[in-house]
PDB file of all heavy atoms in Angstrom:
ATOM      1  N   GLU A   1       2.503  -7.374  15.385  1.00  0.00           N
ATOM      2  CA  GLU A   1       3.804  -7.208  16.020  1.00  0.00           C
ATOM      3  C   GLU A   1       4.618  -6.140  15.291  1.00  0.00           C
ATOM      4  O   GLU A   1       4.717  -6.166  14.061  1.00  0.00           O
ATOM      5  CB  GLU A   1       4.569  -8.536  15.980  1.00  0.00           C
ATOM      6  CG  GLU A   1       3.952  -9.643  16.814  1.00  0.00           C
ATOM      7  CD  GLU A   1       4.003  -9.344  18.311  1.00  0.00           C
ATOM      8  OE1 GLU A   1       4.917  -8.612  18.740  1.00  0.00           O
ATOM      9  OE2 GLU A   1       3.104  -9.816  19.025  1.00  0.00           O
ATOM     10  N   PRO A   2       5.213  -5.193  16.025  1.00  0.00           N
ATOM     11  CA  PRO A   2       5.965  -4.105  15.374  1.00  0.00           C
ATOM     12  C   PRO A   2       7.112  -4.598  14.497  1.00  0.00           C
ATOM     13  O   PRO A   2       7.424  -3.983  13.480  1.00  0.00           O
ATOM     14  CB  PRO A   2       6.503  -3.288  16.560  1.00  0.00           C
ATOM     15  CG  PRO A   2       5.580  -3.617  17.695  1.00  0.00           C
ATOM     16  CD  PRO A   2       5.145  -5.032  17.480  1.00  0.00           C
ATOM     17  N   ASN A   3       7.743  -5.718  14.865  1.00  0.00           N
ATOM     18  CA  ASN A   3       8.891  -6.180  14.078  1.00  0.00           C
ATOM     19  C   ASN A   3       8.481  -6.777  12.732  1.00  0.00           C
ATOM     20  O   ASN A   3       9.323  -7.049  11.881  1.00  0.00           O
ATOM     21  CB  ASN A   3       9.712  -7.207  14.868  1.00  0.00           C
ATOM     22  CG  ASN A   3       8.908  -8.448  15.229  1.00  0.00           C
ATOM     23  OD1 ASN A   3       7.693  -8.370  15.359  1.00  0.00           O
ATOM     24  ND2 ASN A   3       9.578  -9.569  15.384  1.00  0.00           N
ATOM     25  N   VAL A   4       7.177  -6.984  12.517  1.00  0.00           N
ATOM     26  CA  VAL A   4       6.687  -7.506  11.234  1.00  0.00           C
ATOM     27  C   VAL A   4       6.553  -6.386  10.202  1.00  0.00           C
ATOM     28  O   VAL A   4       6.675  -6.605   9.004  1.00  0.00           O
ATOM     29  CB  VAL A   4       5.326  -8.219  11.430  1.00  0.00           C
ATOM     30  CG1 VAL A   4       4.744  -8.667  10.102  1.00  0.00           C
ATOM     31  CG2 VAL A   4       5.491  -9.409  12.365  1.00  0.00           C
ATOM     32  N   LEU A   5       6.328  -5.157  10.664  1.00  0.00           N
ATOM     33  CA  LEU A   5       6.099  -4.029   9.770  1.00  0.00           C
ATOM     34  C   LEU A   5       7.380  -3.659   9.019  1.00  0.00           C
ATOM     35  O   LEU A   5       8.386  -3.288   9.627  1.00  0.00           O
ATOM     36  CB  LEU A   5       5.604  -2.823  10.578  1.00  0.00           C
ATOM     37  CG  LEU A   5       5.276  -1.561   9.784  1.00  0.00           C
ATOM     38  CD1 LEU A   5       4.110  -1.805   8.830  1.00  0.00           C
ATOM     39  CD2 LEU A   5       4.952  -0.411  10.726  1.00  0.00           C
ATOM     40  N   ALA A   6       7.334  -3.776   7.708  1.00  0.00           N
ATOM     41  CA  ALA A   6       8.512  -3.485   6.884  1.00  0.00           C
ATOM     42  C   ALA A   6       8.582  -2.016   6.482  1.00  0.00           C
ATOM     43  O   ALA A   6       9.654  -1.506   6.158  1.00  0.00           O
ATOM     44  CB  ALA A   6       8.506  -4.359   5.634  1.00  0.00           C
ATOM     45  N   GLY A   7       7.456  -1.344   6.481  1.00  0.00           N
ATOM     46  CA  GLY A   7       7.456   0.061   6.089  1.00  0.00           C
ATOM     47  C   GLY A   7       6.045   0.579   5.969  1.00  0.00           C
ATOM     48  O   GLY A   7       5.083  -0.187   5.936  1.00  0.00           O
ATOM     49  N   THR A   8       5.905   1.893   5.896  1.00  0.00           N
ATOM     50  CA  THR A   8       4.605   2.540   5.764  1.00  0.00           C
ATOM     51  C   THR A   8       4.647   3.492   4.570  1.00  0.00           C
ATOM     52  O   THR A   8       5.588   4.279   4.438  1.00  0.00           O
ATOM     53  CB  THR A   8       4.243   3.327   7.044  1.00  0.00           C
ATOM     54  OG1 THR A   8       4.295   2.445   8.164  1.00  0.00           O
ATOM     55  CG2 THR A   8       2.851   3.924   6.935  1.00  0.00           C
ATOM     56  N   LEU A   9       3.644   3.386   3.708  1.00  0.00           N
ATOM     57  CA  LEU A   9       3.551   4.259   2.528  1.00  0.00           C
ATOM     58  C   LEU A   9       2.540   5.355   2.839  1.00  0.00           C
ATOM     59  O   LEU A   9       1.367   5.078   3.055  1.00  0.00           O
ATOM     60  CB  LEU A   9       3.113   3.452   1.304  1.00  0.00           C
ATOM     61  CG  LEU A   9       3.986   2.228   0.967  1.00  0.00           C
ATOM     62  CD1 LEU A   9       3.378   1.453  -0.185  1.00  0.00           C
ATOM     63  CD2 LEU A   9       5.403   2.667   0.632  1.00  0.00           C
ATOM     64  N   ILE A  10       3.009   6.590   2.858  1.00  0.00           N
ATOM     65  CA  ILE A  10       2.146   7.721   3.229  1.00  0.00           C
ATOM     66  C   ILE A  10       2.034   8.677   2.058  1.00  0.00           C
ATOM     67  O   ILE A  10       3.044   9.174   1.549  1.00  0.00           O
ATOM     68  CB  ILE A  10       2.705   8.461   4.461  1.00  0.00           C
ATOM     69  CG1 ILE A  10       2.806   7.505   5.654  1.00  0.00           C
ATOM     70  CG2 ILE A  10       1.826   9.656   4.813  1.00  0.00           C
ATOM     71  CD1 ILE A  10       3.521   8.105   6.851  1.00  0.00           C
ATOM     72  N   ALA A  11       0.813   8.928   1.607  1.00  0.00           N
ATOM     73  CA  ALA A  11       0.563   9.908   0.551  1.00  0.00           C
ATOM     74  C   ALA A  11      -0.922  10.216   0.431  1.00  0.00           C
ATOM     75  O   ALA A  11      -1.304  11.355   0.197  1.00  0.00           O
ATOM     76  CB  ALA A  11       1.110   9.429  -0.799  1.00  0.00           C
ATOM     77  N   HIS A  12      -1.772   9.189   0.602  1.00  0.00           N
ATOM     78  CA  HIS A  12      -3.209   9.423   0.487  1.00  0.00           C
ATOM     79  C   HIS A  12      -3.697  10.302   1.630  1.00  0.00           C
ATOM     80  O   HIS A  12      -3.191  10.229   2.757  1.00  0.00           O
ATOM     81  CB  HIS A  12      -3.963   8.094   0.494  1.00  0.00           C
ATOM     82  CG  HIS A  12      -3.819   7.310  -0.771  1.00  0.00           C
ATOM     83  ND1 HIS A  12      -4.264   7.764  -1.989  1.00  0.00           N
ATOM     84  CD2 HIS A  12      -3.270   6.083  -1.006  1.00  0.00           C
ATOM     85  CE1 HIS A  12      -4.007   6.863  -2.919  1.00  0.00           C
ATOM     86  NE2 HIS A  12      -3.399   5.839  -2.348  1.00  0.00           N
ATOM     87  N   THR A  13      -4.701  11.110   1.324  1.00  0.00           N
ATOM     88  CA  THR A  13      -5.236  12.031   2.327  1.00  0.00           C
ATOM     89  C   THR A  13      -6.587  11.576   2.879  1.00  0.00           C
ATOM     90  O   THR A  13      -7.216  12.287   3.649  1.00  0.00           O
ATOM     91  CB  THR A  13      -5.388  13.442   1.728  1.00  0.00           C
ATOM     92  OG1 THR A  13      -6.256  13.370   0.591  1.00  0.00           O
ATOM     93  CG2 THR A  13      -4.038  13.991   1.300  1.00  0.00           C
ATOM     94  N   ASP A  14      -7.043  10.379   2.449  1.00  0.00           N
ATOM     95  CA  ASP A  14      -8.307   9.841   2.954  1.00  0.00           C
ATOM     96  C   ASP A  14      -8.199   8.312   2.952  1.00  0.00           C
ATOM     97  O   ASP A  14      -7.155   7.765   2.610  1.00  0.00           O
ATOM     98  CB  ASP A  14      -9.474  10.320   2.075  1.00  0.00           C
ATOM     99  CG  ASP A  14     -10.795  10.395   2.846  1.00  0.00           C
ATOM    100  OD1 ASP A  14     -10.941   9.649   3.834  1.00  0.00           O
ATOM    101  OD2 ASP A  14     -11.680  11.169   2.442  1.00  0.00           O
ATOM    102  N   ALA A  15      -9.281   7.645   3.308  1.00  0.00           N
ATOM    103  CA  ALA A  15      -9.279   6.182   3.458  1.00  0.00           C
ATOM    104  C   ALA A  15      -8.775   5.481   2.194  1.00  0.00           C
ATOM    105  O   ALA A  15      -9.103   5.883   1.076  1.00  0.00           O
ATOM    106  CB  ALA A  15     -10.695   5.704   3.774  1.00  0.00           C
ATOM    107  N   VAL A  16      -7.983   4.431   2.384  1.00  0.00           N
ATOM    108  CA  VAL A  16      -7.521   3.590   1.269  1.00  0.00           C
ATOM    109  C   VAL A  16      -8.528   2.458   1.092  1.00  0.00           C
ATOM    110  O   VAL A  16      -8.765   1.677   2.014  1.00  0.00           O
ATOM    111  CB  VAL A  16      -6.103   3.031   1.547  1.00  0.00           C
ATOM    112  CG1 VAL A  16      -5.657   2.128   0.405  1.00  0.00           C
ATOM    113  CG2 VAL A  16      -5.122   4.177   1.730  1.00  0.00           C
ATOM    114  N   TRP A  17      -9.110   2.355  -0.104  1.00  0.00           N
ATOM    115  CA  TRP A  17     -10.198   1.417  -0.339  1.00  0.00           C
ATOM    116  C   TRP A  17      -9.742   0.101  -0.964  1.00  0.00           C
ATOM    117  O   TRP A  17     -10.402  -0.911  -0.811  1.00  0.00           O
ATOM    118  CB  TRP A  17     -11.235   2.065  -1.253  1.00  0.00           C
ATOM    119  CG  TRP A  17     -12.113   3.057  -0.559  1.00  0.00           C
ATOM    120  CD1 TRP A  17     -12.311   3.184   0.786  1.00  0.00           C
ATOM    121  CD2 TRP A  17     -12.919   4.071  -1.170  1.00  0.00           C
ATOM    122  NE1 TRP A  17     -13.192   4.203   1.050  1.00  0.00           N
ATOM    123  CE2 TRP A  17     -13.578   4.769  -0.129  1.00  0.00           C
ATOM    124  CE3 TRP A  17     -13.156   4.456  -2.484  1.00  0.00           C
ATOM    125  CZ2 TRP A  17     -14.461   5.814  -0.373  1.00  0.00           C
ATOM    126  CZ3 TRP A  17     -14.035   5.498  -2.729  1.00  0.00           C
ATOM    127  CH2 TRP A  17     -14.676   6.173  -1.682  1.00  0.00           C
ATOM    128  N   GLY A  18      -8.629   0.117  -1.693  1.00  0.00           N
ATOM    129  CA  GLY A  18      -8.239  -1.119  -2.376  1.00  0.00           C
ATOM    130  C   GLY A  18      -6.771  -1.134  -2.736  1.00  0.00           C
ATOM    131  O   GLY A  18      -6.143  -0.074  -2.919  1.00  0.00           O
ATOM    132  N   LEU A  19      -6.208  -2.351  -2.817  1.00  0.00           N
ATOM    133  CA  LEU A  19      -4.810  -2.542  -3.197  1.00  0.00           C
ATOM    134  C   LEU A  19      -4.726  -3.614  -4.277  1.00  0.00           C
ATOM    135  O   LEU A  19      -5.508  -4.564  -4.278  1.00  0.00           O
ATOM    136  CB  LEU A  19      -3.967  -2.987  -2.000  1.00  0.00           C
ATOM    137  CG  LEU A  19      -3.842  -2.031  -0.817  1.00  0.00           C
ATOM    138  CD1 LEU A  19      -3.143  -2.730   0.338  1.00  0.00           C
ATOM    139  CD2 LEU A  19      -3.055  -0.787  -1.225  1.00  0.00           C
ATOM    140  N   ALA A  20      -3.765  -3.460  -5.188  1.00  0.00           N
ATOM    141  CA  ALA A  20      -3.480  -4.494  -6.199  1.00  0.00           C
ATOM    142  C   ALA A  20      -1.977  -4.574  -6.364  1.00  0.00           C
ATOM    143  O   ALA A  20      -1.297  -3.550  -6.497  1.00  0.00           O
ATOM    144  CB  ALA A  20      -4.154  -4.150  -7.528  1.00  0.00           C
ATOM    145  N   TYR A  21      -1.455  -5.800  -6.346  1.00  0.00           N
ATOM    146  CA  TYR A  21      -0.009  -6.005  -6.421  1.00  0.00           C
ATOM    147  C   TYR A  21       0.352  -6.678  -7.735  1.00  0.00           C
ATOM    148  O   TYR A  21      -0.313  -7.618  -8.167  1.00  0.00           O
ATOM    149  CB  TYR A  21       0.465  -6.868  -5.250  1.00  0.00           C
ATOM    150  CG  TYR A  21       1.943  -7.180  -5.271  1.00  0.00           C
ATOM    151  CD1 TYR A  21       2.880  -6.197  -4.937  1.00  0.00           C
ATOM    152  CD2 TYR A  21       2.413  -8.436  -5.626  1.00  0.00           C
ATOM    153  CE1 TYR A  21       4.236  -6.468  -4.948  1.00  0.00           C
ATOM    154  CE2 TYR A  21       3.774  -8.716  -5.640  1.00  0.00           C
ATOM    155  CZ  TYR A  21       4.676  -7.727  -5.306  1.00  0.00           C
ATOM    156  OH  TYR A  21       6.018  -8.001  -5.325  1.00  0.00           O
ATOM    157  N   SER A  22       1.390  -6.193  -8.396  1.00  0.00           N
ATOM    158  CA  SER A  22       1.882  -6.796  -9.626  1.00  0.00           C
ATOM    159  C   SER A  22       3.256  -7.391  -9.371  1.00  0.00           C
ATOM    160  O   SER A  22       4.196  -6.684  -8.994  1.00  0.00           O
ATOM    161  CB  SER A  22       1.975  -5.749 -10.746  1.00  0.00           C
ATOM    162  OG  SER A  22       2.660  -6.291 -11.856  1.00  0.00           O
ATOM    163  N   GLY A  23       3.370  -8.698  -9.607  1.00  0.00           N
ATOM    164  CA  GLY A  23       4.650  -9.370  -9.417  1.00  0.00           C
ATOM    165  C   GLY A  23       5.627  -9.144 -10.546  1.00  0.00           C
ATOM    166  O   GLY A  23       6.799  -9.510 -10.447  1.00  0.00           O
ATOM    167  N   VAL A  24       5.158  -8.525 -11.655  1.00  0.00           N
ATOM    168  CA  VAL A  24       6.026  -8.310 -12.816  1.00  0.00           C
ATOM    169  C   VAL A  24       7.168  -7.358 -12.475  1.00  0.00           C
ATOM    170  O   VAL A  24       8.339  -7.637 -12.722  1.00  0.00           O
ATOM    171  CB  VAL A  24       5.205  -7.754 -14.007  1.00  0.00           C
ATOM    172  CG1 VAL A  24       6.120  -7.499 -15.197  1.00  0.00           C
ATOM    173  CG2 VAL A  24       4.110  -8.733 -14.397  1.00  0.00           C
ATOM    174  N   LYS A  25       6.827  -6.233 -11.864  1.00  0.00           N
ATOM    175  CA  LYS A  25       7.849  -5.255 -11.461  1.00  0.00           C
ATOM    176  C   LYS A  25       7.835  -5.012  -9.954  1.00  0.00           C
ATOM    177  O   LYS A  25       8.472  -4.079  -9.469  1.00  0.00           O
ATOM    178  CB  LYS A  25       7.636  -3.933 -12.201  1.00  0.00           C
ATOM    179  CG  LYS A  25       7.911  -4.003 -13.697  1.00  0.00           C
ATOM    180  CD  LYS A  25       7.804  -2.625 -14.327  1.00  0.00           C
ATOM    181  CE  LYS A  25       8.152  -2.653 -15.797  1.00  0.00           C
ATOM    182  NZ  LYS A  25       8.044  -1.317 -16.421  1.00  0.00           N
ATOM    183  N   ASN A  26       7.085  -5.845  -9.221  1.00  0.00           N
ATOM    184  CA  ASN A  26       6.928  -5.678  -7.772  1.00  0.00           C
ATOM    185  C   ASN A  26       6.385  -4.304  -7.409  1.00  0.00           C
ATOM    186  O   ASN A  26       6.844  -3.658  -6.478  1.00  0.00           O
ATOM    187  CB  ASN A  26       8.260  -5.941  -7.046  1.00  0.00           C
ATOM    188  CG  ASN A  26       8.723  -7.378  -7.213  1.00  0.00           C
ATOM    189  OD1 ASN A  26       7.912  -8.286  -7.266  1.00  0.00           O
ATOM    190  ND2 ASN A  26      10.021  -7.569  -7.310  1.00  0.00           N
ATOM    191  N   HIS A  27       5.413  -3.873  -8.196  1.00  0.00           N
ATOM    192  CA  HIS A  27       4.770  -2.598  -7.951  1.00  0.00           C
ATOM    193  C   HIS A  27       3.428  -2.802  -7.253  1.00  0.00           C
ATOM    194  O   HIS A  27       2.807  -3.862  -7.360  1.00  0.00           O
ATOM    195  CB  HIS A  27       4.546  -1.845  -9.264  1.00  0.00           C
ATOM    196  CG  HIS A  27       5.793  -1.260  -9.831  1.00  0.00           C
ATOM    197  ND1 HIS A  27       5.855  -0.677 -11.082  1.00  0.00           N
ATOM    198  CD2 HIS A  27       7.048  -1.155  -9.323  1.00  0.00           C
ATOM    199  CE1 HIS A  27       7.084  -0.249 -11.311  1.00  0.00           C
ATOM    200  NE2 HIS A  27       7.826  -0.531 -10.258  1.00  0.00           N
ATOM    201  N   LEU A  28       2.988  -1.771  -6.543  1.00  0.00           N
ATOM    202  CA  LEU A  28       1.735  -1.804  -5.804  1.00  0.00           C
ATOM    203  C   LEU A  28       0.852  -0.657  -6.269  1.00  0.00           C
ATOM    204  O   LEU A  28       1.340   0.457  -6.494  1.00  0.00           O
ATOM    205  CB  LEU A  28       2.016  -1.661  -4.302  1.00  0.00           C
ATOM    206  CG  LEU A  28       0.825  -1.726  -3.349  1.00  0.00           C
ATOM    207  CD1 LEU A  28       0.286  -3.156  -3.266  1.00  0.00           C
ATOM    208  CD2 LEU A  28       1.234  -1.251  -1.957  1.00  0.00           C
ATOM    209  N   LEU A  29      -0.446  -0.929  -6.430  1.00  0.00           N
ATOM    210  CA  LEU A  29      -1.421   0.106  -6.747  1.00  0.00           C
ATOM    211  C   LEU A  29      -2.360   0.278  -5.562  1.00  0.00           C
ATOM    212  O   LEU A  29      -2.754  -0.710  -4.938  1.00  0.00           O
ATOM    213  CB  LEU A  29      -2.250  -0.281  -7.978  1.00  0.00           C
ATOM    214  CG  LEU A  29      -1.608  -0.089  -9.349  1.00  0.00           C
ATOM    215  CD1 LEU A  29      -2.383  -0.878 -10.393  1.00  0.00           C
ATOM    216  CD2 LEU A  29      -1.570   1.386  -9.720  1.00  0.00           C
ATOM    217  N   SER A  30      -2.695   1.517  -5.250  1.00  0.00           N
ATOM    218  CA  SER A  30      -3.662   1.785  -4.189  1.00  0.00           C
ATOM    219  C   SER A  30      -4.699   2.774  -4.692  1.00  0.00           C
ATOM    220  O   SER A  30      -4.385   3.669  -5.481  1.00  0.00           O
ATOM    221  CB  SER A  30      -2.955   2.353  -2.951  1.00  0.00           C
ATOM    222  OG  SER A  30      -2.278   3.560  -3.264  1.00  0.00           O
ATOM    223  N   CYS A  31      -5.938   2.592  -4.246  1.00  0.00           N
ATOM    224  CA  CYS A  31      -6.991   3.568  -4.587  1.00  0.00           C
ATOM    225  C   CYS A  31      -7.602   4.078  -3.298  1.00  0.00           C
ATOM    226  O   CYS A  31      -7.709   3.346  -2.308  1.00  0.00           O
ATOM    227  CB  CYS A  31      -8.040   2.950  -5.502  1.00  0.00           C
ATOM    228  SG  CYS A  31      -8.988   1.594  -4.788  1.00  0.00           S
ATOM    229  N   SER A  32      -8.002   5.337  -3.322  1.00  0.00           N
ATOM    230  CA  SER A  32      -8.375   6.000  -2.077  1.00  0.00           C
ATOM    231  C   SER A  32      -9.622   6.861  -2.224  1.00  0.00           C
ATOM    232  O   SER A  32      -9.990   7.283  -3.336  1.00  0.00           O
ATOM    233  CB  SER A  32      -7.198   6.881  -1.615  1.00  0.00           C
ATOM    234  OG  SER A  32      -7.579   7.763  -0.587  1.00  0.00           O
ATOM    235  N   ALA A  33     -10.243   7.127  -1.085  1.00  0.00           N
ATOM    236  CA  ALA A  33     -11.383   8.048  -1.036  1.00  0.00           C
ATOM    237  C   ALA A  33     -10.973   9.478  -1.355  1.00  0.00           C
ATOM    238  O   ALA A  33     -11.834  10.334  -1.556  1.00  0.00           O
ATOM    239  CB  ALA A  33     -12.030   7.991   0.344  1.00  0.00           C
TER     240      ALA A  33
END
């Protein structure tokens, strides 16, 4: 549902393979092809 989407993070130029979330600082890590 479109109203569920809070935002989109755009920067990678190829497929995103994995995500890791840290609750310490509410930061997100992404790794990409």
